[in-house]
Amino acid sequence: MNGGKQVVYVSPPSFLGTAEDPGADGLVTIYSNLGTGDSVYNAVAGSGVLGKDAGQPWPQWVASSFIPKKNHTVMKISVGLTYVQGTNAFIMSLNEDNGGLPGKRLHKWQFADVPTFGTCCALQTGKVKAGIPVKKGKTYWVVLRTTNDGTDSYGVSNNNIFDQQGRWDNNLGSGWVNEGIQELGAFGVFGQ
């Protein structure tokens, strides 16, 4: 739909089994809109993560925001990210806020061979051993984008299972745009 901006699967989802428990390693939840069991994220709806040659009218990178309620150190971020076609490689980053848009990148992770769109519930997880400090009350962004080589990549930032709304931005190839309050992609931020 909308040139790949929004993606809807027209068959029932397939289940790969239950996802890992993102908090099982003793980390605290800094922010999460992830569900549990076979309802970790919405397997059949989300926003396109598209390269410029993905066969759609425009490319798109997406960013969902969160605001920590206390000072923390981020050790792990998990996202509901699935694959449609093209190069199966994507980048997730944690970014500071820059006036309501994703700003300076604090860390990035690359994922390859993500599961096919319409399946649930494998999460893509990035870990950082040293941790990344985040401050109470400050906005941060979890960004999903294509790799520099993945101009034909077509992935999906799956919607969260709770229809939770929040600040959401996208980049259609000419810079970040504040899209206001929209349904957030499925993600969890964990740490100390």
Protein backbone atom coordinates (compact mmCIF):
# COMPACT_ATOMS: atom_id res chain seq x y z
CA MET A 1 0.00 0.00 0.00
CA ASN A 2 1.09 3.61 -0.56
CA GLY A 3 4.11 2.57 -2.63
CA GLY A 4 5.46 0.29 0.10
CA LYS A 5 5.11 2.92 2.83
CA GLN A 6 2.58 0.76 4.66
CA VAL A 7 2.60 -3.01 4.27
CA VAL A 8 -0.27 -5.43 4.93
CA TYR A 9 -0.06 -9.22 4.52
CA VAL A 10 -3.23 -10.74 3.09
CA SER A 11 -2.95 -14.25 4.54
CA PRO A 12 -2.89 -15.47 8.12
CA PRO A 13 0.57 -15.21 9.71
CA SER A 14 2.91 -18.17 9.95
CA PHE A 15 4.51 -18.86 13.29
CA LEU A 16 8.18 -19.72 13.63
CA GLY A 17 7.66 -20.51 17.29
CA THR A 18 7.84 -18.27 20.29
CA ALA A 19 10.44 -15.54 20.46
CA GLU A 20 13.14 -15.26 23.06
CA ASP A 21 12.13 -13.49 26.24
CA PRO A 22 13.96 -10.17 25.76
CA GLY A 23 14.34 -9.67 29.52
CA ALA A 24 15.50 -13.23 30.27
CA ASP A 25 19.12 -12.17 30.71
CA GLY A 26 18.38 -10.10 33.82
CA LEU A 27 18.23 -6.72 32.10
CA VAL A 28 15.58 -4.17 33.03
CA THR A 29 13.05 -2.94 30.51
CA ILE A 30 13.80 0.66 29.62
CA TYR A 31 11.00 0.71 27.04
CA SER A 32 9.01 -2.03 25.31
CA ASN A 33 5.88 -2.45 23.25
CA LEU A 34 6.69 -6.11 22.52
CA GLY A 35 4.14 -8.77 23.30
CA THR A 36 4.83 -12.36 24.33
CA GLY A 37 4.50 -15.89 22.99
CA ASP A 38 3.08 -15.95 19.46
CA SER A 39 1.95 -12.30 19.74
CA VAL A 40 5.28 -10.50 20.01
CA TYR A 41 4.51 -8.12 17.13
CA ASN A 42 1.92 -7.68 14.40
CA ALA A 43 3.13 -10.17 11.80
CA VAL A 44 0.81 -8.90 9.07
CA ALA A 45 1.15 -5.09 9.18
CA GLY A 46 3.93 -2.55 9.36
CA SER A 47 5.92 0.14 7.57
CA GLY A 48 8.21 -0.52 4.64
CA VAL A 49 11.97 -0.27 5.07
CA LEU A 50 12.94 0.26 1.45
CA GLY A 51 16.00 0.89 -0.66
CA LYS A 52 15.77 3.27 -3.62
CA ASP A 53 15.66 0.34 -6.09
CA ALA A 54 13.14 -1.84 -4.22
CA GLY A 55 10.50 -1.49 -6.96
CA GLN A 56 8.44 1.10 -5.10
CA PRO A 57 7.95 4.81 -5.90
CA TRP A 58 10.31 5.96 -3.13
CA PRO A 59 12.75 4.59 -0.57
CA GLN A 60 11.90 4.72 3.12
CA TRP A 61 13.71 4.49 6.43
CA VAL A 62 11.67 4.58 9.65
CA ALA A 63 12.22 5.70 13.25
CA SER A 64 10.20 5.08 16.43
CA SER A 65 10.82 7.12 19.56
CA PHE A 66 10.97 6.35 23.26
CA ILE A 67 11.62 8.38 26.41
CA PRO A 68 13.35 6.69 29.37
CA LYS A 69 11.64 7.22 32.75
CA LYS A 70 15.03 6.99 34.55
CA ASN A 71 18.70 7.24 33.65
CA HIS A 72 19.78 3.86 32.24
CA THR A 73 22.48 2.13 30.24
CA VAL A 74 21.17 0.43 27.07
CA MET A 75 22.64 -3.06 26.62
CA LYS A 76 20.22 -4.54 24.07
CA ILE A 77 17.54 -3.50 21.57
CA SER A 78 15.13 -5.97 19.94
CA VAL A 79 12.89 -5.16 16.96
CA GLY A 80 10.18 -6.85 14.91
CA LEU A 81 11.81 -6.66 11.46
CA THR A 82 10.88 -8.91 8.55
CA TYR A 83 11.85 -9.31 4.89
CA VAL A 84 9.92 -9.04 1.60
CA GLN A 85 12.46 -9.08 -1.27
CA GLY A 86 15.86 -7.94 -2.55
CA THR A 87 18.96 -7.87 -0.39
CA ASN A 88 18.12 -9.33 3.01
CA ALA A 89 20.26 -6.97 5.10
CA PHE A 90 19.22 -4.01 7.25
CA ILE A 91 20.67 -1.62 9.80
CA MET A 92 19.21 -0.68 13.17
CA SER A 93 20.59 2.25 15.12
CA LEU A 94 19.98 4.05 18.38
CA ASN A 95 19.96 7.80 17.78
CA GLU A 96 19.68 10.94 19.87
CA ASP A 97 16.89 13.42 19.19
CA ASN A 98 17.50 16.50 17.07
CA GLY A 99 14.43 18.75 17.32
CA GLY A 100 11.89 15.94 16.88
CA LEU A 101 13.95 14.04 14.29
CA PRO A 102 16.58 11.32 14.62
CA GLY A 103 19.91 12.99 15.33
CA LYS A 104 23.40 11.73 16.15
CA ARG A 105 23.77 7.97 15.90
CA LEU A 106 24.93 6.44 19.19
CA HIS A 107 25.39 2.87 17.91
CA LYS A 108 24.39 0.70 14.96
CA TRP A 109 23.88 -2.99 14.29
CA GLN A 110 23.49 -4.86 10.99
CA PHE A 111 21.09 -7.75 10.50
CA ALA A 112 21.06 -10.27 7.64
CA ASP A 113 18.72 -13.13 6.80
CA VAL A 114 15.78 -11.71 8.76
CA PRO A 115 12.59 -13.82 8.63
CA THR A 116 9.99 -13.44 5.91
CA PHE A 117 7.15 -10.91 6.30
CA GLY A 118 4.01 -12.65 7.52
CA THR A 119 5.89 -14.79 10.04
CA CYS A 120 6.12 -14.31 13.78
CA CYS A 121 7.87 -14.10 16.25
CA ALA A 122 11.64 -13.94 15.79
CA LEU A 123 13.16 -10.68 16.98
CA GLN A 124 16.27 -9.04 15.57
CA THR A 125 18.46 -8.11 18.52
CA GLY A 126 21.46 -5.84 18.76
CA LYS A 127 23.67 -5.95 21.86
CA VAL A 128 26.34 -3.56 23.06
CA LYS A 129 28.65 -4.88 25.77
CA ALA A 130 29.88 -1.50 27.01
CA GLY A 131 26.37 -0.07 27.13
CA ILE A 132 25.01 3.27 25.94
CA PRO A 133 23.89 5.79 28.59
CA VAL A 134 20.43 7.32 28.10
CA LYS A 135 18.92 10.08 30.23
CA LYS A 136 15.55 10.30 31.94
CA GLY A 137 12.99 12.40 30.05
CA LYS A 138 15.06 12.70 26.87
CA THR A 139 13.79 11.41 23.50
CA TYR A 140 15.72 8.69 21.67
CA TRP A 141 15.03 6.98 18.33
CA VAL A 142 15.28 3.37 17.15
CA VAL A 143 15.96 3.69 13.42
CA LEU A 144 15.58 0.94 10.81
CA ARG A 145 17.14 1.48 7.39
CA THR A 146 18.65 -0.35 4.45
CA THR A 147 22.38 -0.92 4.09
CA ASN A 148 24.37 1.20 1.64
CA ASP A 149 24.64 -1.81 -0.70
CA GLY A 150 21.00 -2.84 -0.19
CA THR A 151 19.40 -0.46 -2.67
CA ASP A 152 16.96 -3.24 -3.66
CA SER A 153 16.12 -4.19 -0.04
CA TYR A 154 12.46 -4.35 0.95
CA GLY A 155 11.80 -5.09 4.61
CA VAL A 156 9.04 -4.34 7.09
CA SER A 157 9.20 -2.69 10.48
CA ASN A 158 6.34 -4.70 11.96
CA ASN A 159 3.74 -2.77 13.98
CA ASN A 160 3.59 -3.38 17.71
CA ILE A 161 0.90 -5.80 18.90
CA PHE A 162 -0.78 -3.25 21.19
CA ASP A 163 -1.41 -0.57 18.50
CA GLN A 164 0.65 1.76 20.72
CA GLN A 165 1.04 5.25 19.29
CA GLY A 166 4.04 7.55 19.61
CA ARG A 167 6.33 9.93 17.77
CA TRP A 168 7.25 8.35 14.44
CA ASP A 169 9.43 9.74 11.66
CA ASN A 170 10.41 8.60 8.20
CA ASN A 171 12.96 9.44 5.54
CA LEU A 172 11.84 9.07 1.92
CA GLY A 173 15.30 9.76 0.54
CA SER A 174 15.53 13.49 1.17
CA GLY A 175 15.96 13.71 4.95
CA TRP A 176 13.95 12.93 8.07
CA VAL A 177 10.33 14.12 8.29
CA ASN A 178 8.36 14.44 11.53
CA GLU A 179 5.23 12.37 10.86
CA GLY A 180 3.71 13.18 14.28
CA ILE A 181 1.97 10.56 16.37
CA GLN A 182 1.50 7.22 14.59
CA GLU A 183 1.56 3.53 15.38
CA LEU A 184 5.06 2.59 16.47
CA GLY A 185 7.11 -0.27 15.17
CA ALA A 186 7.56 -3.19 17.57
CA PHE A 187 10.69 -2.77 19.70
CA GLY A 188 12.12 -3.14 23.16
CA VAL A 189 15.07 -1.41 24.79
CA PHE A 190 16.77 -3.22 27.69
CA GLY A 191 19.67 -2.48 29.98
CA GLN A 192 20.72 -1.51 33.47
